[in-house]
């Protein structure tokens, strides 16, 4: 059993990485990095989007995240590797999960477009 609940096509992963990079480059954006911070952001209903890496080991670390996201109705997605996820949010280390709390000025449509694509994929 895995925490990866659905498969994301490569072109959507690329769009997702571009969107995260755009959001991370905005001065007033807020992105939570790491398992503990992401879990807190979900539980406090602050997260607008959660992205997890598919290569987390052991996988039990992320088991609760999709369940919490479903419960709180927060969209979530996956990126292939922890290194890619860290790079997408402009940090120099790998990250198992990130949560977008604030997209920053002018980035609402960037996040909205990704969320629509994810919802269409899951239905």
Protein backbone atom coordinates (compact mmCIF):
# COMPACT_ATOMS: atom_id res chain seq x y z
CA UNK A 1 0.00 0.00 0.00
CA UNK A 2 1.30 3.42 -0.90
CA UNK A 3 0.44 6.99 0.01
CA UNK A 4 0.33 7.89 -3.72
CA UNK A 5 -3.43 7.89 -4.31
CA UNK A 6 -3.43 8.74 -8.03
CA UNK A 7 -0.97 9.07 -10.90
CA UNK A 8 -0.11 12.50 -12.27
CA UNK A 9 0.90 12.80 -15.94
CA UNK A 10 4.38 14.19 -16.68
CA UNK A 11 3.06 17.35 -18.40
CA UNK A 12 0.98 18.22 -15.33
CA UNK A 13 4.01 17.61 -13.09
CA UNK A 14 5.95 20.08 -15.23
CA UNK A 15 3.13 22.65 -14.96
CA UNK A 16 3.03 22.06 -11.20
CA UNK A 17 6.78 22.64 -10.85
CA UNK A 18 6.55 25.84 -12.90
CA UNK A 19 3.65 27.08 -10.75
CA UNK A 20 5.53 26.31 -7.52
CA UNK A 21 8.60 28.11 -8.84
CA UNK A 22 6.48 31.17 -9.75
CA UNK A 23 4.86 31.19 -6.31
CA UNK A 24 8.21 30.69 -4.52
CA UNK A 25 9.74 33.61 -6.43
CA UNK A 26 7.08 36.02 -5.12
CA UNK A 27 8.29 38.00 -2.10
CA UNK A 28 5.05 37.77 -0.13
CA UNK A 29 4.33 34.09 -0.76
CA UNK A 30 4.42 31.55 2.06
CA UNK A 31 5.37 27.93 1.47
CA UNK A 32 5.71 25.46 4.33
CA UNK A 33 8.42 22.85 3.82
CA UNK A 34 8.85 19.53 5.58
CA UNK A 35 6.53 16.96 7.06
CA UNK A 36 5.80 18.61 10.41
CA UNK A 37 5.10 22.08 9.01
CA UNK A 38 2.90 20.66 6.23
CA UNK A 39 0.88 18.61 8.71
CA UNK A 40 0.33 21.69 10.91
CA UNK A 41 -0.71 23.80 7.90
CA UNK A 42 -3.28 21.17 6.88
CA UNK A 43 -4.69 20.75 10.40
CA UNK A 44 -5.03 24.54 10.80
CA UNK A 45 -6.75 24.83 7.39
CA UNK A 46 -4.04 27.21 6.14
CA UNK A 47 -2.82 25.10 3.21
CA UNK A 48 -4.22 25.90 -0.25
CA UNK A 49 -2.26 23.12 -1.98
CA UNK A 50 -0.10 20.27 -0.70
CA UNK A 51 2.58 18.62 -2.86
CA UNK A 52 4.38 15.43 -1.85
CA UNK A 53 7.38 13.61 -3.29
CA UNK A 54 6.80 10.07 -4.59
CA UNK A 55 10.18 8.71 -3.46
CA UNK A 56 9.86 9.21 0.31
CA UNK A 57 11.29 6.38 2.36
CA UNK A 58 9.82 4.92 4.48
CA UNK A 59 6.43 5.66 2.89
CA UNK A 60 4.67 5.56 6.28
CA UNK A 61 5.94 9.10 6.91
CA UNK A 62 3.41 10.49 4.41
CA UNK A 63 0.52 8.05 4.92
CA UNK A 64 -1.58 10.52 6.91
CA UNK A 65 -1.21 13.49 4.54
CA UNK A 66 -3.64 12.47 1.73
CA UNK A 67 -6.16 11.39 4.38
CA UNK A 68 -5.93 14.75 6.17
CA UNK A 69 -6.16 16.62 2.86
CA UNK A 70 -9.30 14.69 1.86
CA UNK A 71 -10.85 15.36 5.26
CA UNK A 72 -10.11 19.12 5.07
CA UNK A 73 -10.89 19.31 1.31
CA UNK A 74 -7.39 20.55 0.43
CA UNK A 75 -6.09 19.64 -3.03
CA UNK A 76 -2.89 17.62 -3.15
CA UNK A 77 -0.48 16.39 -5.80
CA UNK A 78 2.75 14.46 -6.26
CA UNK A 79 6.14 15.19 -7.82
CA UNK A 80 8.55 12.36 -8.71
CA UNK A 81 11.48 13.08 -6.38
CA UNK A 82 12.25 14.95 -3.18
CA UNK A 83 15.09 16.76 -4.97
CA UNK A 84 12.71 18.00 -7.70
CA UNK A 85 10.24 19.20 -5.06
CA UNK A 86 12.93 21.12 -3.18
CA UNK A 87 14.16 22.65 -6.43
CA UNK A 88 10.65 23.67 -7.47
CA UNK A 89 10.23 25.77 -4.32
CA UNK A 90 13.74 27.22 -4.57
CA UNK A 91 15.45 25.52 -1.65
CA UNK A 92 18.78 23.77 -1.98
CA UNK A 93 17.74 20.64 -0.11
CA UNK A 94 15.31 17.81 -0.76
CA UNK A 95 11.81 18.07 0.68
CA UNK A 96 9.32 15.27 1.29
CA UNK A 97 6.30 17.61 1.23
CA UNK A 98 5.38 21.28 0.90
CA UNK A 99 2.22 23.25 1.56
CA UNK A 100 1.35 26.52 -0.17
CA UNK A 101 -0.22 28.87 2.39
CA UNK A 102 -0.01 32.19 0.56
CA UNK A 103 0.51 32.42 -3.21
CA UNK A 104 1.77 35.99 -3.17
CA UNK A 105 0.59 39.03 -5.07
CA UNK A 106 -0.75 38.28 -8.54
CA UNK A 107 -0.33 34.50 -8.40
CA UNK A 108 -3.94 33.51 -7.64
CA UNK A 109 -4.62 32.42 -11.23
CA UNK A 110 -1.41 30.32 -11.28
CA UNK A 111 -2.57 28.23 -8.31
CA UNK A 112 -6.20 28.20 -9.50
CA UNK A 113 -5.23 26.72 -12.86
CA UNK A 114 -3.24 23.90 -11.26
CA UNK A 115 -6.03 23.10 -8.79
CA UNK A 116 -8.59 22.87 -11.64
CA UNK A 117 -6.33 20.44 -13.54
CA UNK A 118 -5.88 18.29 -10.40
CA UNK A 119 -9.62 18.20 -9.73
CA UNK A 120 -10.29 17.17 -13.35
CA UNK A 121 -7.70 14.39 -12.99
CA UNK A 122 -9.28 12.99 -9.83
CA UNK A 123 -12.87 12.82 -11.12
